[in-house]
Amino acid sequence: MSEEREDSLHKQRLNAIVSGRVQGVGFRYFVLQQAVRLGLTGWVRNLDDGISVEVLAEGGTADLQELLVALHEGPNASYVRDVKSHFWPASGEFHEFDIRF
């Protein structure tokens, strides 16, 4: 088995909805910085409800867990009230992490 194929078997997908004061406070840029630092792929976006941000990230389990911890903390100007998260097998469809508008 190739190293790339073996590595893809250990990757997962994290989908998280973060609510609180997370829009207009640099939360998406904070998530982008954390994801890039951890080598994750996927995206982050504001939701239309005005109080939530959605994160879809793929990578190693330990890196996703570290991102999840960061989502609970957020940047200084934010206030995270709740984080709902689910894990699935990674799809491998992303090549980078970006902010969606």
C-alpha atoms as a PDB file:
ATOM      1  CA  MET A   1       0.000   0.000   0.000  1.00  0.00           C
ATOM      2  CA  SER A   2       1.385   3.405  -0.922  1.00  0.00           C
ATOM      3  CA  GLU A   3       2.148   5.895   1.862  1.00  0.00           C
ATOM      4  CA  GLU A   4      -0.381   8.375   0.404  1.00  0.00           C
ATOM      5  CA  ARG A   5      -3.114   5.703   0.265  1.00  0.00           C
ATOM      6  CA  GLU A   6      -2.334   4.551   3.809  1.00  0.00           C
ATOM      7  CA  ASP A   7      -2.397   8.150   5.078  1.00  0.00           C
ATOM      8  CA  SER A   8      -5.798   8.794   3.468  1.00  0.00           C
ATOM      9  CA  LEU A   9      -7.252   5.853   5.401  1.00  0.00           C
ATOM     10  CA  HIS A  10      -6.488   7.653   8.671  1.00  0.00           C
ATOM     11  CA  LYS A  11      -7.980  10.986   7.686  1.00  0.00           C
ATOM     12  CA  GLN A  12     -11.342  12.131   8.901  1.00  0.00           C
ATOM     13  CA  ARG A  13     -13.821  14.911   8.248  1.00  0.00           C
ATOM     14  CA  LEU A  14     -14.990  17.270  10.984  1.00  0.00           C
ATOM     15  CA  ASN A  15     -18.189  19.244  10.530  1.00  0.00           C
ATOM     16  CA  ALA A  16     -18.800  21.800  13.287  1.00  0.00           C
ATOM     17  CA  ILE A  17     -21.364  24.513  13.895  1.00  0.00           C
ATOM     18  CA  VAL A  18     -20.066  27.165  16.296  1.00  0.00           C
ATOM     19  CA  SER A  19     -22.586  29.598  17.779  1.00  0.00           C
ATOM     20  CA  GLY A  20     -22.324  32.685  19.943  1.00  0.00           C
ATOM     21  CA  ARG A  21     -20.588  35.973  19.100  1.00  0.00           C
ATOM     22  CA  VAL A  22     -18.636  34.461  16.193  1.00  0.00           C
ATOM     23  CA  GLN A  23     -19.569  36.720  13.272  1.00  0.00           C
ATOM     24  CA  GLY A  24     -17.856  40.065  12.738  1.00  0.00           C
ATOM     25  CA  VAL A  25     -15.083  39.305  15.244  1.00  0.00           C
ATOM     26  CA  GLY A  26     -12.455  37.634  13.015  1.00  0.00           C
ATOM     27  CA  PHE A  27     -13.600  34.094  13.807  1.00  0.00           C
ATOM     28  CA  ARG A  28     -13.328  32.805  10.224  1.00  0.00           C
ATOM     29  CA  TYR A  29      -9.799  34.183   9.890  1.00  0.00           C
ATOM     30  CA  PHE A  30      -8.902  32.602  13.231  1.00  0.00           C
ATOM     31  CA  VAL A  31     -10.186  29.226  11.976  1.00  0.00           C
ATOM     32  CA  LEU A  32      -8.280  29.661   8.699  1.00  0.00           C
ATOM     33  CA  GLN A  33      -5.019  30.318  10.581  1.00  0.00           C
ATOM     34  CA  GLN A  34      -5.531  27.307  12.854  1.00  0.00           C
ATOM     35  CA  ALA A  35      -6.423  24.997   9.955  1.00  0.00           C
ATOM     36  CA  VAL A  36      -3.446  26.076   7.832  1.00  0.00           C
ATOM     37  CA  ARG A  37      -1.127  25.652  10.835  1.00  0.00           C
ATOM     38  CA  LEU A  38      -2.451  22.116  11.333  1.00  0.00           C
ATOM     39  CA  GLY A  39      -2.266  21.210   7.634  1.00  0.00           C
ATOM     40  CA  LEU A  40      -6.028  20.707   7.294  1.00  0.00           C
ATOM     41  CA  THR A  41      -8.139  21.138   4.171  1.00  0.00           C
ATOM     42  CA  GLY A  42     -11.736  22.344   3.861  1.00  0.00           C
ATOM     43  CA  TRP A  43     -13.544  25.619   4.554  1.00  0.00           C
ATOM     44  CA  VAL A  44     -15.223  27.928   7.060  1.00  0.00           C
ATOM     45  CA  ARG A  45     -18.238  30.174   6.464  1.00  0.00           C
ATOM     46  CA  ASN A  46     -20.747  32.374   8.269  1.00  0.00           C
ATOM     47  CA  LEU A  47     -24.282  31.019   8.404  1.00  0.00           C
ATOM     48  CA  ASP A  48     -27.285  33.167   7.523  1.00  0.00           C
ATOM     49  CA  ASP A  49     -28.615  33.109  11.100  1.00  0.00           C
ATOM     50  CA  GLY A  50     -26.092  35.837  12.054  1.00  0.00           C
ATOM     51  CA  ILE A  51     -24.830  33.958  15.137  1.00  0.00           C
ATOM     52  CA  SER A  52     -23.176  30.813  13.760  1.00  0.00           C
ATOM     53  CA  VAL A  53     -20.147  29.708  11.777  1.00  0.00           C
ATOM     54  CA  GLU A  54     -19.826  26.363   9.992  1.00  0.00           C
ATOM     55  CA  VAL A  55     -16.502  24.554   9.671  1.00  0.00           C
ATOM     56  CA  LEU A  56     -15.801  21.595   7.405  1.00  0.00           C
ATOM     57  CA  ALA A  57     -12.249  20.310   7.794  1.00  0.00           C
ATOM     58  CA  GLU A  58     -10.374  17.179   6.778  1.00  0.00           C
ATOM     59  CA  GLY A  59      -7.132  15.787   8.105  1.00  0.00           C
ATOM     60  CA  GLY A  60      -5.638  13.569  10.757  1.00  0.00           C
ATOM     61  CA  THR A  61      -7.698  12.821  13.849  1.00  0.00           C
ATOM     62  CA  ALA A  62      -5.270  14.487  16.275  1.00  0.00           C
ATOM     63  CA  ASP A  63      -5.128  17.660  14.143  1.00  0.00           C
ATOM     64  CA  LEU A  64      -8.931  17.801  13.906  1.00  0.00           C
ATOM     65  CA  GLN A  65      -9.212  17.365  17.672  1.00  0.00           C
ATOM     66  CA  GLU A  66      -6.781  20.274  18.115  1.00  0.00           C
ATOM     67  CA  LEU A  67      -8.901  22.399  15.776  1.00  0.00           C
ATOM     68  CA  LEU A  68     -12.004  21.445  17.753  1.00  0.00           C
ATOM     69  CA  VAL A  69     -10.361  22.668  20.974  1.00  0.00           C
ATOM     70  CA  ALA A  70      -9.516  25.958  19.215  1.00  0.00           C
ATOM     71  CA  LEU A  71     -13.139  26.294  18.017  1.00  0.00           C
ATOM     72  CA  HIS A  72     -14.320  26.156  21.632  1.00  0.00           C
ATOM     73  CA  GLU A  73     -11.907  28.976  22.539  1.00  0.00           C
ATOM     74  CA  GLY A  74     -12.093  31.251  19.474  1.00  0.00           C
ATOM     75  CA  PRO A  75     -10.224  34.544  19.080  1.00  0.00           C
ATOM     76  CA  ASN A  76     -10.213  37.143  21.874  1.00  0.00           C
ATOM     77  CA  ALA A  77     -13.128  39.212  20.524  1.00  0.00           C
ATOM     78  CA  SER A  78     -15.436  36.201  20.207  1.00  0.00           C
ATOM     79  CA  TYR A  79     -17.699  34.445  22.669  1.00  0.00           C
ATOM     80  CA  VAL A  80     -18.369  30.786  21.881  1.00  0.00           C
ATOM     81  CA  ARG A  81     -21.663  29.623  23.363  1.00  0.00           C
ATOM     82  CA  ASP A  82     -21.885  26.184  21.737  1.00  0.00           C
ATOM     83  CA  VAL A  83     -20.041  23.866  19.348  1.00  0.00           C
ATOM     84  CA  LYS A  84     -21.882  20.989  17.725  1.00  0.00           C
ATOM     85  CA  SER A  85     -19.529  18.612  15.924  1.00  0.00           C
ATOM     86  CA  HIS A  86     -19.612  15.351  13.992  1.00  0.00           C
ATOM     87  CA  PHE A  87     -16.860  13.201  12.483  1.00  0.00           C
ATOM     88  CA  TRP A  88     -17.019  11.176   9.259  1.00  0.00           C
ATOM     89  CA  PRO A  89     -14.460   9.558   6.975  1.00  0.00           C
ATOM     90  CA  ALA A  90     -12.642  12.141   4.836  1.00  0.00           C
ATOM     91  CA  SER A  91     -13.661  12.501   1.202  1.00  0.00           C
ATOM     92  CA  GLY A  92     -10.337  13.915   0.016  1.00  0.00           C
ATOM     93  CA  GLU A  93     -12.146  16.480  -2.142  1.00  0.00           C
ATOM     94  CA  PHE A  94     -10.319  19.534  -0.761  1.00  0.00           C
ATOM     95  CA  HIS A  95      -6.772  20.663  -1.570  1.00  0.00           C
ATOM     96  CA  GLU A  96      -6.527  23.672   0.748  1.00  0.00           C
ATOM     97  CA  PHE A  97      -8.439  25.434   3.498  1.00  0.00           C
ATOM     98  CA  ASP A  98     -10.323  28.603   2.649  1.00  0.00           C
ATOM     99  CA  ILE A  99     -13.028  31.020   3.723  1.00  0.00           C
ATOM    100  CA  ARG A 100     -16.315  30.752   1.865  1.00  0.00           C
ATOM    101  CA  PHE A 101     -18.579  33.760   1.455  1.00  0.00           C
END
